[in-house]
Protein backbone atom coordinates (compact mmCIF):
# COMPACT_ATOMS: atom_id res chain seq x y z
CA UNK A 1 36.15 31.13 -69.79
CA UNK A 2 36.21 27.36 -69.88
CA UNK A 3 32.73 26.09 -69.39
CA UNK A 4 34.08 22.72 -68.28
CA UNK A 5 35.10 24.30 -64.97
CA UNK A 6 31.45 24.60 -64.10
CA UNK A 7 30.41 21.13 -65.28
CA UNK A 8 27.91 20.47 -68.05
CA UNK A 9 26.06 23.43 -69.43
CA UNK A 10 22.75 21.94 -68.43
CA UNK A 11 23.66 22.35 -64.72
CA UNK A 12 23.35 26.12 -64.85
CA UNK A 13 20.10 26.04 -66.73
CA UNK A 14 18.76 23.15 -64.55
CA UNK A 15 19.35 24.95 -61.21
CA UNK A 16 16.50 27.44 -61.71
CA UNK A 17 14.29 24.58 -62.74
CA UNK A 18 15.11 22.71 -59.50
CA UNK A 19 14.48 25.86 -57.48
CA UNK A 20 11.16 26.35 -59.25
CA UNK A 21 10.16 22.77 -58.55
CA UNK A 22 11.04 23.24 -54.88
CA UNK A 23 8.97 26.40 -54.71
CA UNK A 24 6.06 24.54 -56.27
CA UNK A 25 6.45 21.69 -53.77
CA UNK A 26 6.52 24.15 -50.88
CA UNK A 27 3.43 25.91 -52.19
CA UNK A 28 1.67 22.60 -52.67
CA UNK A 29 2.57 21.62 -49.13
CA UNK A 30 1.59 24.92 -47.54
CA UNK A 31 -1.75 25.17 -49.33
CA UNK A 32 -3.36 22.48 -47.14
CA UNK A 33 -1.82 24.18 -44.09
CA UNK A 34 -3.52 27.43 -44.99
CA UNK A 35 -6.79 25.59 -45.52
CA UNK A 36 -6.35 23.85 -42.18
CA UNK A 37 -5.82 27.16 -40.42
CA UNK A 38 -8.90 28.61 -42.09
CA UNK A 39 -10.95 25.65 -40.91
CA UNK A 40 -9.39 25.51 -37.46
CA UNK A 41 -12.35 27.23 -35.89
CA UNK A 42 -14.76 24.64 -37.26
CA UNK A 43 -15.90 21.94 -34.84
CA UNK A 44 -18.78 19.67 -35.75
CA UNK A 45 -21.17 18.44 -33.10
CA UNK A 46 -23.42 20.32 -30.66
CA UNK A 47 -21.95 22.76 -28.17
CA UNK A 48 -22.60 21.56 -24.64
CA UNK A 49 -25.32 22.92 -22.42
CA UNK A 50 -26.17 21.41 -19.07
CA UNK A 51 -29.33 19.26 -19.36
CA UNK A 52 -32.34 21.31 -18.31
CA UNK A 53 -34.12 20.30 -15.12
CA UNK A 54 -36.86 22.11 -13.21
CA UNK A 55 -36.01 22.46 -9.52
CA UNK A 56 -38.29 23.44 -6.64
CA UNK A 57 -37.69 26.75 -4.90
CA UNK A 58 -37.30 25.13 -1.47
CA UNK A 59 -37.31 21.77 0.24
CA UNK A 60 -40.70 20.42 1.26
CA UNK A 61 -39.52 18.98 4.58
CA UNK A 62 -37.30 21.88 5.64
CA UNK A 63 -38.18 23.17 9.12
CA UNK A 64 -39.62 26.64 9.39
CA UNK A 65 -36.47 28.08 10.93
CA UNK A 66 -34.07 26.48 8.49
CA UNK A 67 -32.00 29.22 6.87
CA UNK A 68 -31.12 28.93 3.22
CA UNK A 69 -27.39 29.29 2.60
CA UNK A 70 -26.38 32.56 1.02
CA UNK A 71 -23.73 32.83 -1.72
CA UNK A 72 -21.49 34.70 0.73
CA UNK A 73 -21.89 32.02 3.42
CA UNK A 74 -18.42 31.38 4.87
CA UNK A 75 -19.35 28.60 7.27
CA UNK A 76 -16.57 26.03 7.45
CA UNK A 77 -17.70 22.92 5.64
CA UNK A 78 -14.49 21.17 4.68
CA UNK A 79 -14.05 19.20 7.92
CA UNK A 80 -17.73 18.79 8.69
CA UNK A 81 -17.18 15.91 11.13
CA UNK A 82 -15.56 18.29 13.61
CA UNK A 83 -19.06 19.56 14.37
CA UNK A 84 -19.58 16.44 16.51
CA UNK A 85 -16.94 17.72 18.93
CA UNK A 86 -15.10 14.38 19.27
CA UNK A 87 -11.29 14.37 18.91
CA UNK A 88 -11.28 10.58 18.46
CA UNK A 89 -13.54 10.88 15.43
CA UNK A 90 -11.29 13.63 14.04
CA UNK A 91 -8.27 11.32 14.30
CA UNK A 92 -10.13 8.42 12.68
CA UNK A 93 -11.12 10.54 9.68
CA UNK A 94 -7.47 11.51 9.21
CA UNK A 95 -6.51 7.83 9.24
CA UNK A 96 -9.22 7.17 6.68
CA UNK A 97 -7.80 9.85 4.38
CA UNK A 98 -4.30 8.42 4.74
CA UNK A 99 -4.91 4.69 4.48
CA UNK A 100 -8.35 3.75 3.12
CA UNK A 101 -7.87 1.49 0.12
CA UNK A 102 -11.09 2.42 -1.69
CA UNK A 103 -10.00 6.05 -1.51
CA UNK A 104 -6.63 5.11 -3.02
CA UNK A 105 -8.40 3.27 -5.85
CA UNK A 106 -10.52 6.33 -6.60
CA UNK A 107 -7.43 8.55 -6.51
CA UNK A 108 -5.61 6.22 -8.94
CA UNK A 109 -8.62 6.27 -11.28
CA UNK A 110 -8.57 10.07 -11.17
CA UNK A 111 -4.86 10.14 -12.08
CA UNK A 112 -5.51 7.76 -14.96
CA UNK A 113 -8.39 9.89 -16.27
CA UNK A 114 -6.24 13.02 -15.99
CA UNK A 115 -3.46 11.33 -17.99
CA UNK A 116 -5.97 10.34 -20.69
CA UNK A 117 -7.04 13.97 -20.89
CA UNK A 118 -3.43 15.10 -21.40
CA UNK A 119 -2.98 12.42 -24.04
CA UNK A 120 -6.05 13.61 -25.95
CA UNK A 121 -4.88 17.21 -25.75
CA UNK A 122 -1.43 16.19 -27.10
CA UNK A 123 -3.04 14.88 -30.30
CA UNK A 124 -3.71 18.49 -31.31
CA UNK A 125 0.04 19.12 -31.76
CA UNK A 126 2.61 17.70 -34.20
CA UNK A 127 4.63 14.64 -33.31
CA UNK A 128 8.36 14.85 -33.98
CA UNK A 129 10.72 11.90 -34.19
CA UNK A 130 14.42 11.27 -34.80
CA UNK A 131 15.85 8.17 -36.43
CA UNK A 132 19.42 6.98 -36.95
CA UNK A 133 20.58 3.69 -38.45
CA UNK A 134 22.85 1.87 -40.81
CA UNK A 135 22.55 -1.11 -43.15
CA UNK A 136 24.95 -3.36 -45.04
CA UNK A 137 23.40 -5.24 -47.96
CA UNK A 138 24.26 -7.34 -51.01
CA UNK A 139 21.62 -7.69 -53.74
CA UNK A 140 23.14 -10.82 -55.37
CA UNK A 141 25.83 -13.37 -54.75
CA UNK A 142 28.33 -11.67 -57.02
CA UNK A 143 27.06 -8.13 -56.57
CA UNK A 144 28.81 -5.40 -54.60
CA UNK A 145 28.22 -4.88 -50.92
CA UNK A 146 26.60 -1.52 -50.22
CA UNK A 147 26.69 0.39 -46.95
CA UNK A 148 24.03 2.90 -46.02
CA UNK A 149 24.09 5.28 -43.06
CA UNK A 150 21.13 7.54 -42.37
CA UNK A 151 20.20 10.21 -39.83
CA UNK A 152 16.78 11.83 -40.18
CA UNK A 153 14.07 13.72 -38.36
CA UNK A 154 10.37 13.52 -39.12
CA UNK A 155 7.24 15.40 -38.14
CA UNK A 156 3.58 14.50 -38.57
CA UNK A 157 0.53 16.59 -37.84
CA UNK A 158 -3.11 15.77 -38.36
CA UNK A 159 -4.98 18.98 -39.13
CA UNK A 160 -8.06 19.18 -36.94
CA UNK A 161 -10.25 20.36 -39.81
CA UNK A 162 -13.58 19.34 -38.31
CA UNK A 163 -12.77 19.65 -34.62
CA UNK A 164 -12.77 15.90 -33.97
CA UNK A 165 -9.51 16.03 -32.03
CA UNK A 166 -10.69 19.04 -30.05
CA UNK A 167 -13.99 17.33 -29.25
CA UNK A 168 -12.09 14.25 -28.13
CA UNK A 169 -9.87 16.37 -25.87
CA UNK A 170 -13.00 18.08 -24.55
CA UNK A 171 -14.58 14.68 -23.85
CA UNK A 172 -11.52 13.34 -22.05
CA UNK A 173 -11.14 16.50 -19.97
CA UNK A 174 -14.79 16.27 -18.92
CA UNK A 175 -14.25 12.60 -18.07
CA UNK A 176 -11.25 13.58 -15.94
CA UNK A 177 -13.39 16.15 -14.13
CA UNK A 178 -16.04 13.47 -13.58
CA UNK A 179 -13.36 11.21 -12.12
CA UNK A 180 -12.29 14.04 -9.83
CA UNK A 181 -15.90 14.33 -8.66
CA UNK A 182 -15.99 10.54 -8.20
CA UNK A 183 -12.96 10.84 -5.93
CA UNK A 184 -14.71 13.54 -3.92
CA UNK A 185 -17.87 11.43 -3.73
CA UNK A 186 -15.91 8.39 -2.56
CA UNK A 187 -14.19 10.50 0.09
CA UNK A 188 -17.50 11.98 1.28
CA UNK A 189 -19.25 8.59 1.33
CA UNK A 190 -16.43 7.01 3.32
CA UNK A 191 -16.36 9.93 5.77
CA UNK A 192 -20.12 9.61 6.27
CA UNK A 193 -19.87 5.83 6.67
CA UNK A 194 -17.11 6.23 9.24
CA UNK A 195 -19.05 8.90 11.15
CA UNK A 196 -22.22 6.77 11.14
CA UNK A 197 -20.32 3.70 12.39
CA UNK A 198 -18.61 5.77 15.07
CA UNK A 199 -21.94 7.20 16.24
CA UNK A 200 -23.41 3.68 16.36
CA UNK A 201 -20.39 2.47 18.34
CA UNK A 202 -20.76 5.26 20.90
CA UNK A 203 -24.48 4.48 21.15
CA UNK A 204 -23.51 0.88 21.87
CA UNK A 205 -21.12 2.12 24.57
CA UNK A 206 -23.93 4.20 26.08
CA UNK A 207 -26.24 1.19 25.96
CA UNK A 208 -23.61 -0.92 27.71
CA UNK A 209 -23.23 1.74 30.41
CA UNK A 210 -26.99 1.92 30.82
CA UNK A 211 -27.29 -1.86 31.06
CA UNK A 212 -24.40 -1.94 33.54
CA UNK A 213 -26.19 0.64 35.73
CA UNK A 214 -29.39 -1.37 35.46
CA UNK A 215 -27.59 -4.59 36.35
CA UNK A 216 -26.16 -2.90 39.45
CA UNK A 217 -29.60 -1.54 40.35
CA UNK A 218 -31.28 -4.89 39.80
CA UNK A 219 -28.60 -6.62 41.85
CA UNK A 220 -29.27 -4.21 44.71
CA UNK A 221 -32.99 -4.93 44.37
CA UNK A 222 -32.26 -8.65 44.42
CA UNK A 223 -30.26 -8.31 47.65
CA UNK A 224 -33.03 -6.21 49.19
CA UNK A 225 -35.65 -8.79 48.20
CA UNK A 226 -33.62 -11.65 49.64
CA UNK A 227 -33.22 -9.72 52.88
CA UNK A 228 -36.96 -9.11 52.96
CA UNK A 229 -37.54 -12.82 52.33
CA UNK A 230 -35.29 -13.63 55.28
CA UNK A 231 -37.27 -11.14 57.38
CA UNK A 232 -40.52 -12.80 56.33
CA UNK A 233 -41.95 -9.80 54.48
CA UNK A 234 -41.31 -11.05 50.93
CA UNK A 235 -42.16 -14.22 49.09
CA UNK A 236 -39.92 -16.62 47.12
CA UNK A 237 -41.77 -15.46 44.01
CA UNK A 238 -40.46 -11.93 44.65
CA UNK A 239 -36.93 -13.25 44.82
CA UNK A 240 -37.40 -15.26 41.62
CA UNK A 241 -38.72 -12.19 39.79
CA UNK A 242 -35.84 -10.03 41.00
CA UNK A 243 -33.29 -12.66 40.02
CA UNK A 244 -34.88 -13.12 36.58
CA UNK A 245 -34.76 -9.41 35.93
CA UNK A 246 -31.13 -9.19 37.05
CA UNK A 247 -30.03 -12.09 34.81
CA UNK A 248 -32.01 -10.73 31.85
CA UNK A 249 -30.26 -7.37 32.13
CA UNK A 250 -26.87 -9.12 32.23
CA UNK A 251 -27.76 -11.07 29.06
CA UNK A 252 -28.80 -7.89 27.27
CA UNK A 253 -25.53 -6.21 28.27
CA UNK A 254 -23.57 -9.11 26.77
CA UNK A 255 -25.59 -8.95 23.55
CA UNK A 256 -24.59 -5.31 23.01
CA UNK A 257 -20.94 -6.39 22.91
CA UNK A 258 -21.53 -8.20 19.59
CA UNK A 259 -22.75 -5.06 17.83
CA UNK A 260 -20.00 -2.97 19.41
CA UNK A 261 -17.26 -5.37 18.29
CA UNK A 262 -18.57 -5.55 14.72
CA UNK A 263 -18.72 -1.76 14.49
CA UNK A 264 -15.15 -1.57 15.74
CA UNK A 265 -14.10 -4.04 13.03
CA UNK A 266 -15.84 -1.93 10.36
CA UNK A 267 -14.07 1.22 11.57
CA UNK A 268 -10.74 -0.63 11.53
CA UNK A 269 -11.15 -1.57 7.87
CA UNK A 270 -12.30 1.95 6.92
CA UNK A 271 -9.16 3.42 8.48
CA UNK A 272 -6.84 0.90 6.82
CA UNK A 273 -6.23 -1.44 9.76
CA UNK A 274 -6.68 -5.14 10.27
CA UNK A 275 -9.43 -5.64 12.89
CA UNK A 276 -7.04 -7.65 15.09
CA UNK A 277 -4.69 -4.65 15.31
CA UNK A 278 -7.28 -2.00 16.12
CA UNK A 279 -9.36 -1.07 19.14
CA UNK A 280 -11.30 1.91 20.44
CA UNK A 281 -11.44 2.59 24.15
CA UNK A 282 -14.74 3.27 25.84
CA UNK A 283 -15.19 6.99 26.55
CA UNK A 284 -16.09 7.75 30.20
CA UNK A 285 -19.62 9.13 30.59
CA UNK A 286 -20.82 11.71 33.04
CA UNK A 287 -24.09 9.80 33.35
CA UNK A 288 -25.01 6.29 32.15
CA UNK A 289 -26.75 6.37 28.79
CA UNK A 290 -25.71 9.93 27.93
CA UNK A 291 -23.87 10.53 24.62
CA UNK A 292 -21.10 13.11 24.63
CA UNK A 293 -21.44 13.71 20.89
CA UNK A 294 -22.88 17.05 19.85
CA UNK A 295 -25.37 17.45 17.02
CA UNK A 296 -23.68 19.75 14.48
CA UNK A 297 -25.58 22.69 13.08
CA UNK A 298 -26.20 22.24 9.37
CA UNK A 299 -26.70 25.40 7.28
CA UNK A 300 -29.62 25.32 4.87
CA UNK A 301 -29.28 24.89 1.14
CA UNK A 302 -31.49 25.85 -1.75
CA UNK A 303 -32.22 22.88 -4.02
CA UNK A 304 -30.18 24.51 -6.80
CA UNK A 305 -27.18 24.49 -4.49
CA UNK A 306 -26.99 20.70 -4.78
CA UNK A 307 -25.90 21.11 -8.40
CA UNK A 308 -22.66 22.65 -7.16
CA UNK A 309 -22.15 20.88 -3.83
CA UNK A 310 -23.04 17.24 -4.51
CA UNK A 311 -20.05 15.40 -6.02
CA UNK A 312 -22.20 12.65 -7.52
CA UNK A 313 -24.34 15.28 -9.26
CA UNK A 314 -21.22 17.01 -10.58
CA UNK A 315 -19.84 13.67 -11.80
CA UNK A 316 -23.06 12.88 -13.66
CA UNK A 317 -23.11 16.36 -15.20
CA UNK A 318 -19.50 16.05 -16.38
CA UNK A 319 -20.23 12.67 -17.93
CA UNK A 320 -23.07 14.27 -19.85
CA UNK A 321 -20.58 16.87 -21.10
CA UNK A 322 -18.16 14.12 -22.14
CA UNK A 323 -20.92 12.26 -23.99
CA UNK A 324 -21.93 15.47 -25.77
CA UNK A 325 -18.37 16.02 -26.98
CA UNK A 326 -18.23 12.41 -28.20
CA UNK A 327 -21.00 13.26 -30.67
CA UNK A 328 -18.61 15.73 -32.32
CA UNK A 329 -15.90 13.07 -32.45
CA UNK A 330 -18.26 10.65 -34.21
CA UNK A 331 -19.49 13.29 -36.67
CA UNK A 332 -15.95 14.39 -37.51
CA UNK A 333 -15.21 10.85 -38.67
CA UNK A 334 -17.66 11.40 -41.56
CA UNK A 335 -15.28 13.93 -43.16
CA UNK A 336 -11.82 13.64 -44.72
CA UNK A 337 -8.66 13.69 -42.60
CA UNK A 338 -5.63 15.74 -43.60
CA UNK A 339 -2.19 14.76 -42.40
CA UNK A 340 0.92 16.87 -43.02
CA UNK A 341 4.24 15.01 -42.97
CA UNK A 342 7.81 16.20 -43.26
CA UNK A 343 11.08 14.25 -43.20
CA UNK A 344 14.63 15.52 -43.53
CA UNK A 345 18.14 14.28 -42.87
CA UNK A 346 21.30 12.88 -44.31
CA UNK A 347 21.90 9.59 -46.09
CA UNK A 348 25.17 8.22 -47.42
CA UNK A 349 27.51 5.28 -47.69
CA UNK A 350 29.88 6.42 -44.95
CA UNK A 351 29.53 8.16 -41.63
CA UNK A 352 32.69 10.21 -42.23
CA UNK A 353 31.09 12.55 -44.75
CA UNK A 354 27.45 11.86 -43.92
CA UNK A 355 26.63 15.47 -43.18
CA UNK A 356 27.84 16.85 -46.51
CA UNK A 357 25.32 18.87 -48.44
CA UNK A 358 25.33 16.29 -51.20
CA UNK A 359 23.91 13.66 -48.84
CA UNK A 360 21.02 15.76 -47.63
CA UNK A 361 17.44 14.72 -48.42
CA UNK A 362 13.96 15.88 -47.45
CA UNK A 363 10.30 15.19 -48.15
CA UNK A 364 7.27 17.33 -47.48
CA UNK A 365 3.65 16.76 -48.39
CA UNK A 366 0.07 16.37 -47.30
CA UNK A 367 -2.08 13.25 -47.27
CA UNK A 368 -5.85 13.40 -47.58
CA UNK A 369 -7.91 10.34 -46.60
CA UNK A 370 -11.64 9.70 -46.78
CA UNK A 371 -13.60 6.52 -46.33
CA UNK A 372 -16.07 6.43 -49.20
CA UNK A 373 -18.02 3.31 -48.17
CA UNK A 374 -18.38 1.60 -44.83
CA UNK A 375 -21.95 0.27 -45.02
CA UNK A 376 -23.16 2.91 -42.56
CA UNK A 377 -20.67 2.09 -39.78
CA UNK A 378 -19.70 5.72 -39.09
CA UNK A 379 -23.29 6.90 -39.20
CA UNK A 380 -24.10 4.16 -36.68
CA UNK A 381 -21.32 5.51 -34.45
CA UNK A 382 -22.96 8.95 -34.56
CA UNK A 383 -26.26 7.38 -33.55
CA UNK A 384 -24.53 5.54 -30.72
CA UNK A 385 -22.92 8.77 -29.48
CA UNK A 386 -26.23 10.62 -29.55
CA UNK A 387 -27.95 7.79 -27.66
CA UNK A 388 -25.11 7.73 -25.13
CA UNK A 389 -25.60 11.44 -24.51
CA UNK A 390 -29.35 10.99 -24.02
CA UNK A 391 -28.59 8.26 -21.48
CA UNK A 392 -26.00 10.43 -19.70
CA UNK A 393 -28.44 13.37 -19.58
CA UNK A 394 -31.12 11.09 -18.13
CA UNK A 395 -28.67 9.77 -15.55
CA UNK A 396 -27.80 13.34 -14.56
CA UNK A 397 -31.45 14.30 -14.11
CA UNK A 398 -32.14 11.15 -12.11
CA UNK A 399 -29.08 11.81 -9.93
CA UNK A 400 -30.37 15.31 -9.16
CA UNK A 401 -33.79 13.93 -8.26
CA UNK A 402 -32.16 11.30 -6.05
CA UNK A 403 -30.14 14.02 -4.34
CA UNK A 404 -33.30 16.00 -3.63
CA UNK A 405 -34.91 12.88 -2.19
CA UNK A 406 -31.88 12.23 0.05
CA UNK A 407 -32.17 15.71 1.53
CA UNK A 408 -35.93 15.47 1.99
CA UNK A 409 -35.58 12.05 3.68
CA UNK A 410 -32.95 13.33 6.09
CA UNK A 411 -34.93 16.49 6.83
CA UNK A 412 -38.14 14.66 7.64
CA UNK A 413 -36.22 12.19 9.81
CA UNK A 414 -34.64 15.02 11.81
CA UNK A 415 -37.90 16.91 12.12
CA UNK A 416 -39.84 13.89 13.37
CA UNK A 417 -37.01 12.70 15.62
CA UNK A 418 -36.76 16.11 17.23
CA UNK A 419 -40.41 15.98 18.27
CA UNK A 420 -40.06 12.35 19.31
CA UNK A 421 -37.00 13.17 21.43
CA UNK A 422 -38.92 15.85 23.32
CA UNK A 423 -41.78 13.46 24.06
CA UNK A 424 -39.38 10.70 25.03
CA UNK A 425 -37.57 13.00 27.45
CA UNK A 426 -40.89 13.54 29.21
CA UNK A 427 -41.45 9.78 29.22
CA UNK A 428 -38.05 9.20 30.87
CA UNK A 429 -38.83 11.72 33.58
CA UNK A 430 -42.25 10.19 34.21
CA UNK A 431 -40.84 6.65 34.25
CA UNK A 432 -38.19 7.70 36.77
CA UNK A 433 -40.78 9.18 39.09
CA UNK A 434 -42.96 6.07 38.74
CA UNK A 435 -40.02 3.80 39.56
CA UNK A 436 -39.07 5.76 42.64
CA UNK A 437 -42.66 5.68 43.90
CA UNK A 438 -42.89 1.93 43.28
CA UNK A 439 -39.67 1.29 45.24
CA UNK A 440 -40.86 3.40 48.15
CA UNK A 441 -44.23 1.64 48.23
CA UNK A 442 -42.54 -1.75 48.03
CA UNK A 443 -40.27 -0.92 50.94
CA UNK A 444 -43.35 0.19 52.85
CA UNK A 445 -45.02 -3.12 52.04
CA UNK A 446 -48.02 -1.59 50.29
CA UNK A 447 -47.39 -3.20 46.86
CA UNK A 448 -45.85 -6.42 45.63
CA UNK A 449 -42.52 -6.80 43.87
CA UNK A 450 -44.22 -7.38 40.53
CA UNK A 451 -45.14 -3.70 40.49
CA UNK A 452 -41.48 -2.81 41.05
CA UNK A 453 -40.40 -5.08 38.17
CA UNK A 454 -42.94 -3.43 35.88
CA UNK A 455 -41.76 0.06 36.87
CA UNK A 456 -38.10 -0.89 36.42
CA UNK A 457 -38.78 -2.39 32.99
CA UNK A 458 -40.67 0.74 31.92
CA UNK A 459 -37.87 2.97 33.15
CA UNK A 460 -35.21 0.92 31.37
CA UNK A 461 -37.11 0.82 28.10
CA UNK A 462 -37.75 4.57 28.26
CA UNK A 463 -34.05 5.32 28.73
CA UNK A 464 -33.04 2.91 25.97
CA UNK A 465 -35.58 4.47 23.61
CA UNK A 466 -34.29 7.96 24.41
CA UNK A 467 -30.74 6.77 23.70
CA UNK A 468 -31.85 5.15 20.44
CA UNK A 469 -33.57 8.37 19.32
CA UNK A 470 -30.46 10.37 20.12
CA UNK A 471 -28.36 7.98 18.04
CA UNK A 472 -30.84 8.18 15.16
CA UNK A 473 -30.70 11.99 15.33
CA UNK A 474 -26.92 11.89 15.02
CA UNK A 475 -27.06 9.37 12.17
CA UNK A 476 -29.72 11.42 10.36
CA UNK A 477 -27.51 14.49 10.74
CA UNK A 478 -24.64 12.59 9.11
CA UNK A 479 -26.94 11.60 6.26
CA UNK A 480 -28.17 15.18 5.84
CA UNK A 481 -24.61 16.51 5.68
CA UNK A 482 -23.77 13.86 3.11
CA UNK A 483 -26.96 14.61 1.16
CA UNK A 484 -26.04 18.30 1.05
CA UNK A 485 -22.58 17.53 -0.33
CA UNK A 486 -20.60 17.59 2.91
CA UNK A 487 -17.45 19.62 2.57
CA UNK A 488 -17.15 19.17 -1.15
CA UNK A 489 -17.20 22.15 -3.50
CA UNK A 490 -16.62 22.57 -7.22
CA UNK A 491 -13.32 24.23 -8.23
CA UNK A 492 -13.88 27.19 -10.58
CA UNK A 493 -12.37 25.33 -13.53
CA UNK A 494 -14.84 22.48 -13.03
CA UNK A 495 -17.97 24.58 -12.64
CA UNK A 496 -20.60 23.25 -15.06
CA UNK A 497 -21.71 25.46 -17.93
CA UNK A 498 -24.93 27.36 -17.29
């Protein structure tokens, strides 16, 4: 056998050495991988628990008959505004959902936060790239021109030894959930604002109708007084008083138009319209000063229920979770980072035989990095993260307390207004009887017109007060629904840890 057919003798003896060196390189590369897998379950930083907060067993201002909601309560709460029984309001809320710009901003912020969460989660996996290129170079003026063509693929993976990447993904996911709650809170706040403005507008319509009825009544009284003056049974002072009252009522009716127009403009902007392109027709009333809006029934809630139903509470709780995870991110930066890199491909002088085995190359190896001195910068970042969590936990507790106050305020308002409405209804009835008696006595000539004016003023004020109380009851109901979380509920995947 001619050994020259196989090349130099050292090639046969060198092949096992090359194979051995490759095996050693592979072992050296896989050793950090094994260590990374063994440490994969390690994650520095505290595991999250919802900040503790003592809650009362019941609301202080809740009426005696107020029923606490049960876990199996299936009352429809999503479209809470339908409880007012007004199709126009239902349509306006739909327009708000479709066109309100603040709602679109909140929705865009939620999409951005969700994308950041996906980006943080992607850092847990390797990144793979492909490169292809060619160069033509000459090292000196008389040197040869060399061509190089290369096609390669590369992969990099940072081993999450200390859980820093996982904590960062956890933080970003919690931030995305907080943004989702912010979107729900924005939607609920805008719905409540629209409902409150709509109630105020319909109260203004009822006031206008009441003033219009009063103007007609006062005009009739003015004609009667003028006729009595012509008959010699009334004085010019009676006519002046009747005319003054009639003109005053007309001025008050005009003044209501300002408030009504401004409320209409506010509703236009809430529903995504320019005020000049939007109008709401006056709803016919069965009786002047009577609102057609119903007061929706609001199911009771235990104070602990606010932790699940209030979107602002959920947002604050999720931000506390995100801040807690950021502590782990900061602590992980105190330890070394391990990056595994691999590159492989083909490199040659010509593309025609680029993919021959002889042109193949590859690299594989780990890289370990550790900052040995930073003058305490990373430790300061840990302190910052811990302080940020303490602030987020405090914000959460304060948000819960504010939510409890909102409910108590709305409950006491409804309780007091209910009693006030009953007393005012009696006042309206009494004022009506007094007015009728005064008119009869005036026609009989037993009293002067000043008594009629006083009775008419009392009757008008009583009816306006009753209308105002009714409007405040409706507005307080809107605020109570908002305070209880409206139609918002926490999806199972967003439920805070107990």
